[in-house]
PDB file of N, CA and C in Angstrom:
ATOM      1  N   MET A   1       0.775  -1.228  -0.085  1.00  0.00           N
ATOM      2  CA  MET A   1      -0.083  -0.161  -0.060  1.00  0.00           C
ATOM      3  C   MET A   1       0.870   1.251  -0.166  1.00  0.00           C
ATOM      4  N   SER A   2       1.864   1.209   0.681  1.00  0.00           N
ATOM      5  CA  SER A   2       2.925   2.377   0.876  1.00  0.00           C
ATOM      6  C   SER A   2       3.808   2.431  -0.074  1.00  0.00           C
ATOM      7  N   SER A   3       4.033   3.431  -0.729  1.00  0.00           N
ATOM      8  CA  SER A   3       4.969   3.498  -1.764  1.00  0.00           C
ATOM      9  C   SER A   3       6.555   4.015  -1.472  1.00  0.00           C
ATOM     10  N   GLY A   4       6.563   4.338  -0.204  1.00  0.00           N
ATOM     11  CA  GLY A   4       7.705   4.697   0.613  1.00  0.00           C
ATOM     12  C   GLY A   4       7.817   6.273   0.626  1.00  0.00           C
ATOM     13  N   GLY A   5       6.980   7.023   0.331  1.00  0.00           N
ATOM     14  CA  GLY A   5       6.889   8.421   0.332  1.00  0.00           C
ATOM     15  C   GLY A   5       6.822   8.709   1.831  1.00  0.00           C
ATOM     16  N   ARG A   6       7.230  10.274   1.895  1.00  0.00           N
ATOM     17  CA  ARG A   6       7.141  10.883   3.104  1.00  0.00           C
ATOM     18  C   ARG A   6       5.471  11.181   3.474  1.00  0.00           C
ATOM     19  N   ILE A   7       5.186  11.082   4.858  1.00  0.00           N
ATOM     20  CA  ILE A   7       3.887  11.250   5.423  1.00  0.00           C
ATOM     21  C   ILE A   7       3.918  12.568   5.921  1.00  0.00           C
ATOM     22  N   LEU A   8       2.874  13.370   5.507  1.00  0.00           N
ATOM     23  CA  LEU A   8       2.598  14.918   5.717  1.00  0.00           C
ATOM     24  C   LEU A   8       1.454  14.792   6.658  1.00  0.00           C
ATOM     25  N   LYS A   9       1.393  15.170   7.874  1.00  0.00           N
ATOM     26  CA  LYS A   9       0.423  15.450   8.627  1.00  0.00           C
ATOM     27  C   LYS A   9      -0.237  17.106   8.361  1.00  0.00           C
ATOM     28  N   VAL A  10      -1.241  17.238   8.280  1.00  0.00           N
ATOM     29  CA  VAL A  10      -2.013  18.269   7.913  1.00  0.00           C
ATOM     30  C   VAL A  10      -3.359  18.481   8.862  1.00  0.00           C
ATOM     31  N   GLU A  11      -3.187  19.761   9.407  1.00  0.00           N
ATOM     32  CA  GLU A  11      -4.507  20.256  10.111  1.00  0.00           C
ATOM     33  C   GLU A  11      -5.389  20.977   9.612  1.00  0.00           C
ATOM     34  N   CYS A  12      -6.858  20.801   9.582  1.00  0.00           N
ATOM     35  CA  CYS A  12      -8.076  21.676   9.084  1.00  0.00           C
ATOM     36  C   CYS A  12      -8.044  22.887   9.772  1.00  0.00           C
ATOM     37  N   PRO A  13      -7.851  23.696   9.143  1.00  0.00           N
ATOM     38  CA  PRO A  13      -8.024  25.309   9.653  1.00  0.00           C
ATOM     39  C   PRO A  13      -9.166  25.461  10.270  1.00  0.00           C
ATOM     40  N   GLU A  14     -10.596  24.882   9.795  1.00  0.00           N
ATOM     41  CA  GLU A  14     -11.894  24.904  10.319  1.00  0.00           C
ATOM     42  C   GLU A  14     -11.852  24.104  11.606  1.00  0.00           C
ATOM     43  N   CYS A  15     -11.918  22.830  11.481  1.00  0.00           N
ATOM     44  CA  CYS A  15     -12.240  21.964  12.588  1.00  0.00           C
ATOM     45  C   CYS A  15     -11.148  21.500  13.555  1.00  0.00           C
ATOM     46  N   GLY A  16      -9.947  21.436  12.921  1.00  0.00           N
ATOM     47  CA  GLY A  16      -8.711  21.254  13.743  1.00  0.00           C
ATOM     48  C   GLY A  16      -8.433  19.790  13.858  1.00  0.00           C
ATOM     49  N   SER A  17      -8.990  19.100  12.783  1.00  0.00           N
ATOM     50  CA  SER A  17      -8.951  17.507  12.680  1.00  0.00           C
ATOM     51  C   SER A  17      -7.988  17.456  11.853  1.00  0.00           C
ATOM     52  N   PHE A  18      -7.086  16.335  11.847  1.00  0.00           N
ATOM     53  CA  PHE A  18      -5.910  15.883  11.329  1.00  0.00           C
ATOM     54  C   PHE A  18      -5.810  14.863  10.253  1.00  0.00           C
ATOM     55  N   ILE A  19      -5.368  15.162   9.248  1.00  0.00           N
ATOM     56  CA  ILE A  19      -5.201  13.929   8.271  1.00  0.00           C
ATOM     57  C   ILE A  19      -3.510  13.646   7.810  1.00  0.00           C
ATOM     58  N   TRP A  20      -3.209  12.212   7.635  1.00  0.00           N
ATOM     59  CA  TRP A  20      -1.858  11.986   7.032  1.00  0.00           C
ATOM     60  C   TRP A  20      -2.038  11.525   5.714  1.00  0.00           C
ATOM     61  N   ILE A  21      -1.090  12.240   5.253  1.00  0.00           N
ATOM     62  CA  ILE A  21      -1.070  11.971   3.588  1.00  0.00           C
ATOM     63  C   ILE A  21       0.487  11.419   3.106  1.00  0.00           C
ATOM     64  N   GLU A  22       0.540  10.423   2.394  1.00  0.00           N
ATOM     65  CA  GLU A  22       1.276   9.853   1.472  1.00  0.00           C
ATOM     66  C   GLU A  22       1.847  10.889   0.525  1.00  0.00           C
ATOM     67  N   SER A  23       2.995  11.658   0.696  1.00  0.00           N
ATOM     68  CA  SER A  23       3.643  12.393  -0.299  1.00  0.00           C
ATOM     69  C   SER A  23       3.470  12.091  -1.688  1.00  0.00           C
ATOM     70  N   GLU A  24       4.305  10.639  -1.937  1.00  0.00           N
ATOM     71  CA  GLU A  24       4.227  10.434  -3.455  1.00  0.00           C
ATOM     72  C   GLU A  24       2.900  10.255  -3.986  1.00  0.00           C
ATOM     73  N   SER A  25       2.252   9.436  -3.442  1.00  0.00           N
ATOM     74  CA  SER A  25       0.880   8.858  -4.038  1.00  0.00           C
ATOM     75  C   SER A  25      -0.275   9.753  -3.926  1.00  0.00           C
ATOM     76  N   GLY A  26      -0.305  10.568  -2.749  1.00  0.00           N
ATOM     77  CA  GLY A  26      -1.344  11.489  -2.489  1.00  0.00           C
ATOM     78  C   GLY A  26      -2.498  10.606  -1.720  1.00  0.00           C
ATOM     79  N   ASN A  27      -2.073   9.368  -1.383  1.00  0.00           N
ATOM     80  CA  ASN A  27      -3.297   8.786  -0.589  1.00  0.00           C
ATOM     81  C   ASN A  27      -3.325   9.065   0.792  1.00  0.00           C
ATOM     82  N   LEU A  28      -4.459   9.127   1.383  1.00  0.00           N
ATOM     83  CA  LEU A  28      -4.960   9.123   2.725  1.00  0.00           C
ATOM     84  C   LEU A  28      -4.490   8.143   3.549  1.00  0.00           C
ATOM     85  N   VAL A  29      -3.624   8.370   4.477  1.00  0.00           N
ATOM     86  CA  VAL A  29      -2.937   7.106   5.313  1.00  0.00           C
ATOM     87  C   VAL A  29      -3.829   7.029   6.565  1.00  0.00           C
ATOM     88  N   LYS A  30      -4.173   8.515   7.057  1.00  0.00           N
ATOM     89  CA  LYS A  30      -5.090   8.313   8.593  1.00  0.00           C
ATOM     90  C   LYS A  30      -5.827   9.613   8.725  1.00  0.00           C
ATOM     91  N   SER A  31      -6.672   9.502   9.208  1.00  0.00           N
ATOM     92  CA  SER A  31      -7.459  10.871   9.469  1.00  0.00           C
ATOM     93  C   SER A  31      -7.906  10.785  11.327  1.00  0.00           C
ATOM     94  N   GLU A  32      -7.724  11.937  11.583  1.00  0.00           N
ATOM     95  CA  GLU A  32      -8.119  11.594  13.124  1.00  0.00           C
ATOM     96  C   GLU A  32      -9.191  13.054  13.450  1.00  0.00           C
ATOM     97  N   LYS A  33     -10.301  13.099  13.861  1.00  0.00           N
ATOM     98  CA  LYS A  33     -11.211  14.056  14.227  1.00  0.00           C
ATOM     99  C   LYS A  33     -10.671  14.690  15.767  1.00  0.00           C
ATOM    100  N   LYS A  34     -10.798  15.869  15.575  1.00  0.00           N
ATOM    101  CA  LYS A  34     -10.393  16.710  16.954  1.00  0.00           C
ATOM    102  C   LYS A  34     -11.482  16.270  18.194  1.00  0.00           C
ATOM    103  N   LYS A  35     -10.850  15.996  18.849  1.00  0.00           N
ATOM    104  CA  LYS A  35     -11.656  15.828  20.235  1.00  0.00           C
ATOM    105  C   LYS A  35     -12.056  17.016  20.871  1.00  0.00           C
ATOM    106  N   LYS A  36     -13.615  17.045  20.945  1.00  0.00           N
ATOM    107  CA  LYS A  36     -14.274  18.389  21.461  1.00  0.00           C
ATOM    108  C   LYS A  36     -14.216  18.275  23.097  1.00  0.00           C
ATOM    109  N   SER A  37     -13.618  19.183  23.587  1.00  0.00           N
ATOM    110  CA  SER A  37     -13.756  19.105  25.079  1.00  0.00           C
ATOM    111  C   SER A  37     -15.171  19.791  25.425  1.00  0.00           C
ATOM    112  N   LYS A  38     -15.842  19.035  26.215  1.00  0.00           N
ATOM    113  CA  LYS A  38     -17.083  19.582  26.574  1.00  0.00           C
ATOM    114  C   LYS A  38     -17.233  20.462  27.882  1.00  0.00           C
ATOM    115  N   PRO A  39     -17.833  21.860  27.569  1.00  0.00           N
ATOM    116  CA  PRO A  39     -17.678  22.825  28.425  1.00  0.00           C
ATOM    117  C   PRO A  39     -18.373  22.410  29.853  1.00  0.00           C
ATOM    118  N   GLU A  40     -17.916  22.731  30.930  1.00  0.00           N
ATOM    119  CA  GLU A  40     -18.533  22.476  32.024  1.00  0.00           C
ATOM    120  C   GLU A  40     -19.756  23.173  32.314  1.00  0.00           C
ATOM    121  N   PHE A  41     -20.751  22.581  33.085  1.00  0.00           N
ATOM    122  CA  PHE A  41     -21.906  23.333  33.306  1.00  0.00           C
ATOM    123  C   PHE A  41     -21.987  24.470  33.922  1.00  0.00           C
ATOM    124  N   GLU A  42     -20.740  24.807  34.700  1.00  0.00           N
ATOM    125  CA  GLU A  42     -20.797  26.157  35.242  1.00  0.00           C
ATOM    126  C   GLU A  42     -20.182  27.222  34.576  1.00  0.00           C
ATOM    127  N   LYS A  43     -19.308  26.908  33.535  1.00  0.00           N
ATOM    128  CA  LYS A  43     -19.114  27.786  32.468  1.00  0.00           C
ATOM    129  C   LYS A  43     -20.059  28.049  31.445  1.00  0.00           C
ATOM    130  N   LEU A  44     -20.968  27.278  31.196  1.00  0.00           N
ATOM    131  CA  LEU A  44     -22.300  27.431  30.264  1.00  0.00           C
ATOM    132  C   LEU A  44     -22.998  28.150  31.205  1.00  0.00           C
ATOM    133  N   LEU A  45     -23.572  28.219  32.222  1.00  0.00           N
ATOM    134  CA  LEU A  45     -24.332  29.069  33.055  1.00  0.00           C
ATOM    135  C   LEU A  45     -23.683  30.506  33.251  1.00  0.00           C
ATOM    136  N   GLU A  46     -22.384  30.292  33.687  1.00  0.00           N
ATOM    137  CA  GLU A  46     -21.929  31.861  33.598  1.00  0.00           C
ATOM    138  C   GLU A  46     -21.986  32.426  32.476  1.00  0.00           C
ATOM    139  N   LYS A  47     -21.776  31.744  31.211  1.00  0.00           N
ATOM    140  CA  LYS A  47     -21.817  32.482  29.876  1.00  0.00           C
ATOM    141  C   LYS A  47     -23.212  32.835  29.699  1.00  0.00           C
ATOM    142  N   GLU A  48     -24.153  32.127  30.145  1.00  0.00           N
ATOM    143  CA  GLU A  48     -25.669  32.674  29.994  1.00  0.00           C
ATOM    144  C   GLU A  48     -25.974  33.550  30.617  1.00  0.00           C
ATOM    145  N   LYS A  49     -25.420  33.672  32.210  1.00  0.00           N
ATOM    146  CA  LYS A  49     -25.768  35.032  32.861  1.00  0.00           C
ATOM    147  C   LYS A  49     -25.198  36.149  32.391  1.00  0.00           C
ATOM    148  N   ARG A  50     -24.068  36.022  31.942  1.00  0.00           N
ATOM    149  CA  ARG A  50     -23.174  37.437  31.131  1.00  0.00           C
ATOM    150  C   ARG A  50     -24.089  37.807  30.129  1.00  0.00           C
ATOM    151  N   HIS A  51     -24.787  36.888  29.260  1.00  0.00           N
ATOM    152  CA  HIS A  51     -25.770  37.567  28.084  1.00  0.00           C
ATOM    153  C   HIS A  51     -26.824  37.878  28.596  1.00  0.00           C
ATOM    154  N   GLN A  52     -27.359  37.221  29.709  1.00  0.00           N
ATOM    155  CA  GLN A  52     -28.517  38.006  30.128  1.00  0.00           C
ATOM    156  C   GLN A  52     -28.595  39.383  30.768  1.00  0.00           C
ATOM    157  N   GLU A  53     -27.304  39.464  31.530  1.00  0.00           N
ATOM    158  CA  GLU A  53     -26.927  40.839  31.963  1.00  0.00           C
ATOM    159  C   GLU A  53     -26.734  41.760  30.941  1.00  0.00           C
ATOM    160  N   SER A  54     -26.126  41.409  29.820  1.00  0.00           N
ATOM    161  CA  SER A  54     -25.984  42.183  28.599  1.00  0.00           C
ATOM    162  C   SER A  54     -27.344  42.760  28.106  1.00  0.00           C
ATOM    163  N   LEU A  55     -28.180  41.937  27.925  1.00  0.00           N
ATOM    164  CA  LEU A  55     -29.502  42.259  27.133  1.00  0.00           C
ATOM    165  C   LEU A  55     -30.176  42.930  28.274  1.00  0.00           C
ATOM    166  N   LYS A  56     -30.123  42.662  29.424  1.00  0.00           N
ATOM    167  CA  LYS A  56     -30.867  43.903  30.621  1.00  0.00           C
ATOM    168  C   LYS A  56     -30.124  45.353  30.210  1.00  0.00           C
ATOM    169  N   ASP A  57     -28.802  45.289  29.946  1.00  0.00           N
ATOM    170  CA  ASP A  57     -28.396  46.486  29.941  1.00  0.00           C
ATOM    171  C   ASP A  57     -28.746  47.411  28.470  1.00  0.00           C
ATOM    172  N   LYS A  58     -28.909  46.401  27.530  1.00  0.00           N
ATOM    173  CA  LYS A  58     -29.238  47.039  26.283  1.00  0.00           C
ATOM    174  C   LYS A  58     -30.578  47.575  26.233  1.00  0.00           C
ATOM    175  N   PHE A  59     -31.482  46.557  26.878  1.00  0.00           N
ATOM    176  CA  PHE A  59     -32.921  46.963  26.693  1.00  0.00           C
ATOM    177  C   PHE A  59     -33.264  48.072  27.823  1.00  0.00           C
ATOM    178  N   GLY A  60     -32.310  48.128  28.906  1.00  0.00           N
ATOM    179  CA  GLY A  60     -32.575  49.202  29.918  1.00  0.00           C
ATOM    180  C   GLY A  60     -32.386  50.735  29.435  1.00  0.00           C
ATOM    181  N   TRP A  61     -31.245  50.561  28.736  1.00  0.00           N
ATOM    182  CA  TRP A  61     -30.733  51.699  27.788  1.00  0.00           C
ATOM    183  C   TRP A  61     -31.791  52.309  26.819  1.00  0.00           C
ATOM    184  N   ALA A  62     -32.370  51.393  26.041  1.00  0.00           N
ATOM    185  CA  ALA A  62     -33.476  51.386  25.192  1.00  0.00           C
ATOM    186  C   ALA A  62     -34.633  52.382  25.864  1.00  0.00           C
ATOM    187  N   LYS A  63     -34.971  51.582  27.017  1.00  0.00           N
ATOM    188  CA  LYS A  63     -36.196  52.194  27.816  1.00  0.00           C
ATOM    189  C   LYS A  63     -35.935  53.409  28.145  1.00  0.00           C
ATOM    190  N   GLU A  64     -34.589  53.780  28.606  1.00  0.00           N
ATOM    191  CA  GLU A  64     -34.492  55.123  29.267  1.00  0.00           C
ATOM    192  C   GLU A  64     -34.772  56.077  28.028  1.00  0.00           C
ATOM    193  N   ILE A  65     -34.204  55.663  26.740  1.00  0.00           N
ATOM    194  CA  ILE A  65     -34.217  56.621  25.641  1.00  0.00           C
ATOM    195  C   ILE A  65     -35.678  56.694  25.346  1.00  0.00           C
ATOM    196  N   GLU A  66     -36.553  55.782  25.295  1.00  0.00           N
ATOM    197  CA  GLU A  66     -37.780  55.837  24.708  1.00  0.00           C
ATOM    198  C   GLU A  66     -38.522  56.757  25.791  1.00  0.00           C
ATOM    199  N   GLU A  67     -38.349  56.627  27.006  1.00  0.00           N
ATOM    200  CA  GLU A  67     -38.879  57.296  28.282  1.00  0.00           C
ATOM    201  C   GLU A  67     -38.636  58.941  28.111  1.00  0.00           C
ATOM    202  N   LYS A  68     -37.313  59.218  27.612  1.00  0.00           N
ATOM    203  CA  LYS A  68     -36.847  60.397  27.512  1.00  0.00           C
ATOM    204  C   LYS A  68     -37.483  61.288  26.272  1.00  0.00           C
ATOM    205  N   LYS A  69     -37.697  60.294  25.307  1.00  0.00           N
ATOM    206  CA  LYS A  69     -38.412  60.841  24.215  1.00  0.00           C
ATOM    207  C   LYS A  69     -39.795  61.215  24.348  1.00  0.00           C
ATOM    208  N   LYS A  70     -40.466  60.013  25.207  1.00  0.00           N
ATOM    209  CA  LYS A  70     -41.806  60.359  25.567  1.00  0.00           C
ATOM    210  C   LYS A  70     -42.098  61.619  26.439  1.00  0.00           C
ATOM    211  N   LYS A  71     -41.317  61.801  27.183  1.00  0.00           N
ATOM    212  CA  LYS A  71     -41.263  63.068  27.914  1.00  0.00           C
ATOM    213  C   LYS A  71     -41.107  64.362  27.310  1.00  0.00           C
ATOM    214  N   GLU A  72     -40.088  64.530  26.406  1.00  0.00           N
ATOM    215  CA  GLU A  72     -40.165  65.620  25.424  1.00  0.00           C
ATOM    216  C   GLU A  72     -41.155  65.898  24.618  1.00  0.00           C
ATOM    217  N   ILE A  73     -41.798  64.688  23.996  1.00  0.00           N
ATOM    218  CA  ILE A  73     -42.938  64.876  23.399  1.00  0.00           C
ATOM    219  C   ILE A  73     -44.092  65.393  24.255  1.00  0.00           C
ATOM    220  N   GLU A  74     -44.301  65.108  25.442  1.00  0.00           N
ATOM    221  CA  GLU A  74     -45.126  65.539  26.280  1.00  0.00           C
ATOM    222  C   GLU A  74     -45.114  66.899  26.691  1.00  0.00           C
ATOM    223  N   GLU A  75     -44.145  67.333  26.737  1.00  0.00           N
ATOM    224  CA  GLU A  75     -43.621  68.561  27.173  1.00  0.00           C
ATOM    225  C   GLU A  75     -43.977  69.658  25.835  1.00  0.00           C
ATOM    226  N   ILE A  76     -43.581  69.099  24.582  1.00  0.00           N
ATOM    227  CA  ILE A  76     -44.109  69.953  23.445  1.00  0.00           C
ATOM    228  C   ILE A  76     -45.588  69.932  23.292  1.00  0.00           C
ATOM    229  N   PHE A  77     -46.333  68.890  23.504  1.00  0.00           N
ATOM    230  CA  PHE A  77     -47.656  68.911  23.536  1.00  0.00           C
ATOM    231  C   PHE A  77     -48.372  69.658  24.448  1.00  0.00           C
ATOM    232  N   ILE A  78     -47.877  69.759  25.819  1.00  0.00           N
ATOM    233  CA  ILE A  78     -48.620  70.537  26.640  1.00  0.00           C
ATOM    234  C   ILE A  78     -48.301  72.186  26.479  1.00  0.00           C
ATOM    235  N   ASN A  79     -46.958  72.353  25.925  1.00  0.00           N
ATOM    236  CA  ASN A  79     -46.516  73.704  25.495  1.00  0.00           C
ATOM    237  C   ASN A  79     -47.586  74.310  24.396  1.00  0.00           C
ATOM    238  N   ARG A  80     -47.766  73.501  23.211  1.00  0.00           N
ATOM    239  CA  ARG A  80     -48.534  73.849  22.321  1.00  0.00           C
ATOM    240  C   ARG A  80     -50.117  73.804  22.624  1.00  0.00           C
ATOM    241  N   LEU A  81     -50.533  73.055  23.627  1.00  0.00           N
ATOM    242  CA  LEU A  81     -51.737  73.355  24.377  1.00  0.00           C
ATOM    243  C   LEU A  81     -51.911  74.912  25.071  1.00  0.00           C
ATOM    244  N   LYS A  82     -50.949  75.080  25.604  1.00  0.00           N
ATOM    245  CA  LYS A  82     -50.808  76.591  26.309  1.00  0.00           C
ATOM    246  C   LYS A  82     -51.010  77.411  25.276  1.00  0.00           C
ATOM    247  N   ASP A  83     -50.144  77.257  24.267  1.00  0.00           N
ATOM    248  CA  ASP A  83     -50.142  78.516  23.253  1.00  0.00           C
ATOM    249  C   ASP A  83     -51.537  78.148  22.600  1.00  0.00           C
ATOM    250  N   ASP A  84     -52.109  77.360  22.404  1.00  0.00           N
ATOM    251  CA  ASP A  84     -53.548  77.608  21.737  1.00  0.00           C
ATOM    252  C   ASP A  84     -54.331  78.014  22.556  1.00  0.00           C
ATOM    253  N   SER A  85     -54.194  77.591  23.661  1.00  0.00           N
ATOM    254  CA  SER A  85     -55.371  78.304  24.686  1.00  0.00           C
ATOM    255  C   SER A  85     -55.173  79.775  25.078  1.00  0.00           C
ATOM    256  N   SER A  86     -53.809  80.210  25.089  1.00  0.00           N
ATOM    257  CA  SER A  86     -53.659  81.694  25.115  1.00  0.00           C
ATOM    258  C   SER A  86     -54.044  82.519  24.159  1.00  0.00           C
ATOM    259  N   GLY A  87     -53.520  81.894  22.908  1.00  0.00           N
ATOM    260  CA  GLY A  87     -54.206  82.452  21.506  1.00  0.00           C
ATOM    261  C   GLY A  87     -55.725  82.492  21.642  1.00  0.00           C
ATOM    262  N   ASN A  88     -56.392  81.821  22.069  1.00  0.00           N
ATOM    263  CA  ASN A  88     -57.820  81.776  21.707  1.00  0.00           C
ATOM    264  C   ASN A  88     -58.408  82.857  22.624  1.00  0.00           C
ATOM    265  N   LYS A  89     -57.764  83.253  23.740  1.00  0.00           N
ATOM    266  CA  LYS A  89     -58.450  84.085  24.876  1.00  0.00           C
ATOM    267  C   LYS A  89     -58.150  85.530  24.189  1.00  0.00           C
ATOM    268  N   GLU A  90     -57.247  86.079  23.527  1.00  0.00           N
ATOM    269  CA  GLU A  90     -56.767  87.204  22.812  1.00  0.00           C
ATOM    270  C   GLU A  90     -57.901  87.505  22.008  1.00  0.00           C
TER     271      GLU A  90
END
């Protein structure tokens, strides 16, 4: 099967798996999938907690902006009502 060529070990940049190829023939000699380390439950829990906090910050910020805009609109509306009511009296 082997013609005596060099064996080249190549790592896939996408998944990290390895293949060994015979240089002269180009035949695949061996392949090995990268062993995935399973994240610990606590790491996943911490990651989810950080994600939730990030969402709270983003939505809290958006809510503050919305409330500020609402207050500005209400002030404009009240001022316009005052202007209209004072204009009708004259």
